[in-house]
Amino acid sequence: MIRLRCVRPTQAWIALLFALLISMTNVEGAMAGESVERRYAEGQVWTFRARAGEEGATLLINRIEQDPRLGEIYHISVFGVRLDNPRAPGGVTTDLAHFPVSRATLDKSCLELQGVREPNPEYLRGYGEWREVFDAGRAGVFDIPVADIVGIVQSAIAKRTAQ
């Protein structure tokens, strides 16, 4: 015969149960990518929330700089997108060499760390041009999701080819 004993909840048990529930909520949030403190580093390759049809796209963090006004500036390259571009070989641009972005951009965009690799040497040209106008006070950084930046580039290409 099995005997069951009734246990009265004590303050200690209630506190323990409450702590357990809170920790479970934090684990679920971390799995869903909510409120997770990510540590970004040069050379990291991330998948990101991409536009429809570009779900396999990745971004590479080429360089991280500190700016006294803006804080961390991340210089990224984007791979695996699809931009209609009559001036590109085959009429499509798939890689974008350089975007200066904020941590907020990465936090809004990054999904899963894929690995680490060397910086994309192609970013240096765009970085040099950006650096020149940034130092002159005429450029900044993006703080919108990467997918939106790609959309802006697509719109700019469409306007340029329409002219």
C-alpha atoms as a PDB file:
ATOM      1  CA  MET A   1       0.000   0.000   0.000  1.00  0.00           C
ATOM      2  CA  ILE A   2       1.290   3.421  -1.000  1.00  0.00           C
ATOM      3  CA  ARG A   3       0.843   6.194   1.492  1.00  0.00           C
ATOM      4  CA  LEU A   4       0.747   9.763   0.309  1.00  0.00           C
ATOM      5  CA  ARG A   5       1.689  12.523   2.613  1.00  0.00           C
ATOM      6  CA  CYS A   6       0.293  15.997   2.182  1.00  0.00           C
ATOM      7  CA  VAL A   7       2.994  18.669   2.336  1.00  0.00           C
ATOM      8  CA  ARG A   8       2.049  22.192   3.243  1.00  0.00           C
ATOM      9  CA  PRO A   9       3.718  24.831   1.071  1.00  0.00           C
ATOM     10  CA  THR A  10       6.137  26.838   3.131  1.00  0.00           C
ATOM     11  CA  GLN A  11       7.680  30.157   2.292  1.00  0.00           C
ATOM     12  CA  ALA A  12      10.909  28.396   1.322  1.00  0.00           C
ATOM     13  CA  TRP A  13       9.071  26.051  -1.067  1.00  0.00           C
ATOM     14  CA  ILE A  14       7.174  28.927  -2.639  1.00  0.00           C
ATOM     15  CA  ALA A  15      10.397  30.907  -3.106  1.00  0.00           C
ATOM     16  CA  LEU A  16      12.108  27.874  -4.660  1.00  0.00           C
ATOM     17  CA  LEU A  17       9.194  27.276  -7.025  1.00  0.00           C
ATOM     18  CA  PHE A  18       9.142  30.963  -8.014  1.00  0.00           C
ATOM     19  CA  ALA A  19      12.902  30.933  -8.703  1.00  0.00           C
ATOM     20  CA  LEU A  20      12.525  27.778 -10.793  1.00  0.00           C
ATOM     21  CA  LEU A  21       9.735  29.326 -12.867  1.00  0.00           C
ATOM     22  CA  ILE A  22      11.771  32.478 -13.483  1.00  0.00           C
ATOM     23  CA  SER A  23      14.830  30.496 -14.577  1.00  0.00           C
ATOM     24  CA  MET A  24      12.702  28.418 -16.952  1.00  0.00           C
ATOM     25  CA  THR A  25      11.328  31.613 -18.483  1.00  0.00           C
ATOM     26  CA  ASN A  26      14.861  32.934 -19.009  1.00  0.00           C
ATOM     27  CA  VAL A  27      15.947  29.707 -20.709  1.00  0.00           C
ATOM     28  CA  GLU A  28      12.977  29.791 -23.071  1.00  0.00           C
ATOM     29  CA  GLY A  29      13.633  33.456 -23.879  1.00  0.00           C
ATOM     30  CA  ALA A  30      17.279  32.658 -24.599  1.00  0.00           C
ATOM     31  CA  MET A  31      16.270  29.874 -26.963  1.00  0.00           C
ATOM     32  CA  ALA A  32      13.905  32.187 -28.786  1.00  0.00           C
ATOM     33  CA  GLY A  33      16.587  34.871 -29.102  1.00  0.00           C
ATOM     34  CA  GLU A  34      14.787  37.291 -26.792  1.00  0.00           C
ATOM     35  CA  SER A  35      16.799  39.503 -24.452  1.00  0.00           C
ATOM     36  CA  VAL A  36      19.991  37.593 -25.069  1.00  0.00           C
ATOM     37  CA  GLU A  37      23.283  39.402 -24.584  1.00  0.00           C
ATOM     38  CA  ARG A  38      25.305  38.363 -27.616  1.00  0.00           C
ATOM     39  CA  ARG A  39      29.027  38.790 -27.834  1.00  0.00           C
ATOM     40  CA  TYR A  40      29.990  39.841 -31.328  1.00  0.00           C
ATOM     41  CA  ALA A  41      33.561  39.499 -32.563  1.00  0.00           C
ATOM     42  CA  GLU A  42      35.557  40.121 -35.702  1.00  0.00           C
ATOM     43  CA  GLY A  43      35.436  37.174 -38.078  1.00  0.00           C
ATOM     44  CA  GLN A  44      32.075  35.826 -36.903  1.00  0.00           C
ATOM     45  CA  VAL A  45      29.652  34.597 -39.559  1.00  0.00           C
ATOM     46  CA  TRP A  46      25.956  34.815 -38.635  1.00  0.00           C
ATOM     47  CA  THR A  47      22.701  33.883 -40.302  1.00  0.00           C
ATOM     48  CA  PHE A  48      20.250  36.757 -40.099  1.00  0.00           C
ATOM     49  CA  ARG A  49      16.586  37.573 -40.537  1.00  0.00           C
ATOM     50  CA  ALA A  50      16.683  37.921 -44.301  1.00  0.00           C
ATOM     51  CA  ARG A  51      14.182  38.919 -46.920  1.00  0.00           C
ATOM     52  CA  ALA A  52      11.908  36.267 -48.409  1.00  0.00           C
ATOM     53  CA  GLY A  53      13.880  33.960 -50.700  1.00  0.00           C
ATOM     54  CA  GLU A  54      17.204  34.847 -49.039  1.00  0.00           C
ATOM     55  CA  GLU A  55      16.875  32.669 -45.937  1.00  0.00           C
ATOM     56  CA  GLY A  56      20.369  31.177 -46.339  1.00  0.00           C
ATOM     57  CA  ALA A  57      22.061  34.579 -46.365  1.00  0.00           C
ATOM     58  CA  THR A  58      24.862  35.301 -43.916  1.00  0.00           C
ATOM     59  CA  LEU A  59      26.751  38.292 -42.625  1.00  0.00           C
ATOM     60  CA  LEU A  60      30.417  38.507 -41.684  1.00  0.00           C
ATOM     61  CA  ILE A  61      31.766  40.914 -39.080  1.00  0.00           C
ATOM     62  CA  ASN A  62      34.950  42.225 -40.698  1.00  0.00           C
ATOM     63  CA  ARG A  63      35.949  44.875 -38.172  1.00  0.00           C
ATOM     64  CA  ILE A  64      34.729  46.391 -34.910  1.00  0.00           C
ATOM     65  CA  GLU A  65      35.659  49.948 -34.012  1.00  0.00           C
ATOM     66  CA  GLN A  66      34.975  52.133 -30.997  1.00  0.00           C
ATOM     67  CA  ASP A  67      33.700  55.646 -31.619  1.00  0.00           C
ATOM     68  CA  PRO A  68      33.358  58.168 -28.782  1.00  0.00           C
ATOM     69  CA  ARG A  69      29.948  59.338 -30.079  1.00  0.00           C
ATOM     70  CA  LEU A  70      28.423  56.185 -31.547  1.00  0.00           C
ATOM     71  CA  GLY A  71      30.016  53.433 -29.482  1.00  0.00           C
ATOM     72  CA  GLU A  72      30.756  50.195 -31.291  1.00  0.00           C
ATOM     73  CA  ILE A  73      30.681  50.293 -35.081  1.00  0.00           C
ATOM     74  CA  TYR A  74      30.532  46.940 -36.865  1.00  0.00           C
ATOM     75  CA  HIS A  75      31.717  46.700 -40.456  1.00  0.00           C
ATOM     76  CA  ILE A  76      29.912  43.804 -42.102  1.00  0.00           C
ATOM     77  CA  SER A  77      29.734  42.029 -45.436  1.00  0.00           C
ATOM     78  CA  VAL A  78      26.552  40.266 -46.558  1.00  0.00           C
ATOM     79  CA  PHE A  79      26.526  37.055 -48.623  1.00  0.00           C
ATOM     80  CA  GLY A  80      23.776  35.076 -50.319  1.00  0.00           C
ATOM     81  CA  VAL A  81      21.254  37.814 -51.071  1.00  0.00           C
ATOM     82  CA  ARG A  82      19.601  38.327 -54.435  1.00  0.00           C
ATOM     83  CA  LEU A  83      19.541  41.825 -55.888  1.00  0.00           C
ATOM     84  CA  ASP A  84      18.440  42.398 -59.457  1.00  0.00           C
ATOM     85  CA  ASN A  85      21.255  44.391 -61.010  1.00  0.00           C
ATOM     86  CA  PRO A  86      21.628  44.713 -64.788  1.00  0.00           C
ATOM     87  CA  ARG A  87      25.236  45.872 -64.334  1.00  0.00           C
ATOM     88  CA  ALA A  88      26.274  42.723 -62.439  1.00  0.00           C
ATOM     89  CA  PRO A  89      27.394  39.488 -64.144  1.00  0.00           C
ATOM     90  CA  GLY A  90      24.263  37.457 -64.818  1.00  0.00           C
ATOM     91  CA  GLY A  91      22.085  40.411 -63.827  1.00  0.00           C
ATOM     92  CA  VAL A  92      22.189  39.550 -60.100  1.00  0.00           C
ATOM     93  CA  THR A  93      24.268  40.780 -57.152  1.00  0.00           C
ATOM     94  CA  THR A  94      24.597  38.213 -54.380  1.00  0.00           C
ATOM     95  CA  ASP A  95      27.276  39.704 -52.121  1.00  0.00           C
ATOM     96  CA  LEU A  96      27.515  43.169 -50.577  1.00  0.00           C
ATOM     97  CA  ALA A  97      31.002  44.047 -49.391  1.00  0.00           C
ATOM     98  CA  HIS A  98      30.574  46.754 -46.746  1.00  0.00           C
ATOM     99  CA  PHE A  99      28.008  48.240 -44.397  1.00  0.00           C
ATOM    100  CA  PRO A 100      28.792  50.127 -41.193  1.00  0.00           C
ATOM    101  CA  VAL A 101      26.160  49.093 -38.639  1.00  0.00           C
ATOM    102  CA  SER A 102      25.349  49.515 -34.972  1.00  0.00           C
ATOM    103  CA  ARG A 103      25.018  46.825 -32.344  1.00  0.00           C
ATOM    104  CA  ALA A 104      21.250  47.415 -32.542  1.00  0.00           C
ATOM    105  CA  THR A 105      21.336  46.320 -36.199  1.00  0.00           C
ATOM    106  CA  LEU A 106      23.050  43.071 -35.265  1.00  0.00           C
ATOM    107  CA  ASP A 107      20.739  42.476 -32.307  1.00  0.00           C
ATOM    108  CA  LYS A 108      17.687  42.968 -34.561  1.00  0.00           C
ATOM    109  CA  SER A 109      19.109  40.748 -37.294  1.00  0.00           C
ATOM    110  CA  CYS A 110      21.442  37.960 -36.159  1.00  0.00           C
ATOM    111  CA  LEU A 111      19.980  34.511 -35.653  1.00  0.00           C
ATOM    112  CA  GLU A 112      22.674  31.856 -35.347  1.00  0.00           C
ATOM    113  CA  LEU A 113      26.453  31.927 -35.234  1.00  0.00           C
ATOM    114  CA  GLN A 114      27.758  29.783 -38.114  1.00  0.00           C
ATOM    115  CA  GLY A 115      31.484  29.985 -37.500  1.00  0.00           C
ATOM    116  CA  VAL A 116      34.522  32.185 -37.859  1.00  0.00           C
ATOM    117  CA  ARG A 117      36.540  33.177 -40.907  1.00  0.00           C
ATOM    118  CA  GLU A 118      38.991  35.783 -42.117  1.00  0.00           C
ATOM    119  CA  PRO A 119      37.624  39.231 -43.011  1.00  0.00           C
ATOM    120  CA  ASN A 120      36.360  39.721 -46.536  1.00  0.00           C
ATOM    121  CA  PRO A 121      39.133  41.662 -48.341  1.00  0.00           C
ATOM    122  CA  GLU A 122      36.479  43.242 -50.577  1.00  0.00           C
ATOM    123  CA  TYR A 123      35.137  45.284 -47.649  1.00  0.00           C
ATOM    124  CA  LEU A 124      38.292  47.414 -47.466  1.00  0.00           C
ATOM    125  CA  ARG A 125      37.431  49.604 -50.467  1.00  0.00           C
ATOM    126  CA  GLY A 126      33.981  50.490 -49.121  1.00  0.00           C
ATOM    127  CA  TYR A 127      35.397  50.914 -45.647  1.00  0.00           C
ATOM    128  CA  GLY A 128      38.014  53.391 -46.922  1.00  0.00           C
ATOM    129  CA  GLU A 129      35.380  55.466 -48.719  1.00  0.00           C
ATOM    130  CA  TRP A 130      33.091  55.401 -45.667  1.00  0.00           C
ATOM    131  CA  ARG A 131      35.947  56.292 -43.296  1.00  0.00           C
ATOM    132  CA  GLU A 132      36.792  59.389 -45.324  1.00  0.00           C
ATOM    133  CA  VAL A 133      33.264  60.814 -45.267  1.00  0.00           C
ATOM    134  CA  PHE A 134      32.685  59.652 -41.678  1.00  0.00           C
ATOM    135  CA  ASP A 135      35.777  61.526 -40.483  1.00  0.00           C
ATOM    136  CA  ALA A 136      34.474  64.602 -42.312  1.00  0.00           C
ATOM    137  CA  GLY A 137      31.203  64.299 -40.368  1.00  0.00           C
ATOM    138  CA  ARG A 138      29.085  63.388 -43.405  1.00  0.00           C
ATOM    139  CA  ALA A 139      28.397  59.691 -42.744  1.00  0.00           C
ATOM    140  CA  GLY A 140      27.113  57.515 -39.949  1.00  0.00           C
ATOM    141  CA  VAL A 141      26.041  53.939 -39.374  1.00  0.00           C
ATOM    142  CA  PHE A 142      22.883  51.959 -40.047  1.00  0.00           C
ATOM    143  CA  ASP A 143      20.747  51.055 -37.052  1.00  0.00           C
ATOM    144  CA  ILE A 144      17.988  49.206 -38.929  1.00  0.00           C
ATOM    145  CA  PRO A 145      17.819  45.443 -39.606  1.00  0.00           C
ATOM    146  CA  VAL A 146      20.178  44.050 -42.245  1.00  0.00           C
ATOM    147  CA  ALA A 147      17.230  42.905 -44.396  1.00  0.00           C
ATOM    148  CA  ASP A 148      16.033  46.522 -44.547  1.00  0.00           C
ATOM    149  CA  ILE A 149      19.514  47.693 -45.569  1.00  0.00           C
ATOM    150  CA  VAL A 150      19.513  45.127 -48.390  1.00  0.00           C
ATOM    151  CA  GLY A 151      16.091  46.429 -49.451  1.00  0.00           C
ATOM    152  CA  ILE A 152      17.422  49.993 -49.558  1.00  0.00           C
ATOM    153  CA  VAL A 153      20.318  48.857 -51.754  1.00  0.00           C
ATOM    154  CA  GLN A 154      17.859  47.086 -54.096  1.00  0.00           C
ATOM    155  CA  SER A 155      15.779  50.284 -54.352  1.00  0.00           C
ATOM    156  CA  ALA A 156      18.885  52.363 -55.090  1.00  0.00           C
ATOM    157  CA  ILE A 157      19.933  49.960 -57.860  1.00  0.00           C
ATOM    158  CA  ALA A 158      16.421  50.090 -59.361  1.00  0.00           C
ATOM    159  CA  LYS A 159      16.421  53.914 -59.335  1.00  0.00           C
ATOM    160  CA  ARG A 160      19.878  54.071 -60.888  1.00  0.00           C
ATOM    161  CA  THR A 161      18.957  51.709 -63.723  1.00  0.00           C
ATOM    162  CA  ALA A 162      15.693  53.560 -64.384  1.00  0.00           C
ATOM    163  CA  GLN A 163      17.583  56.784 -65.093  1.00  0.00           C
END
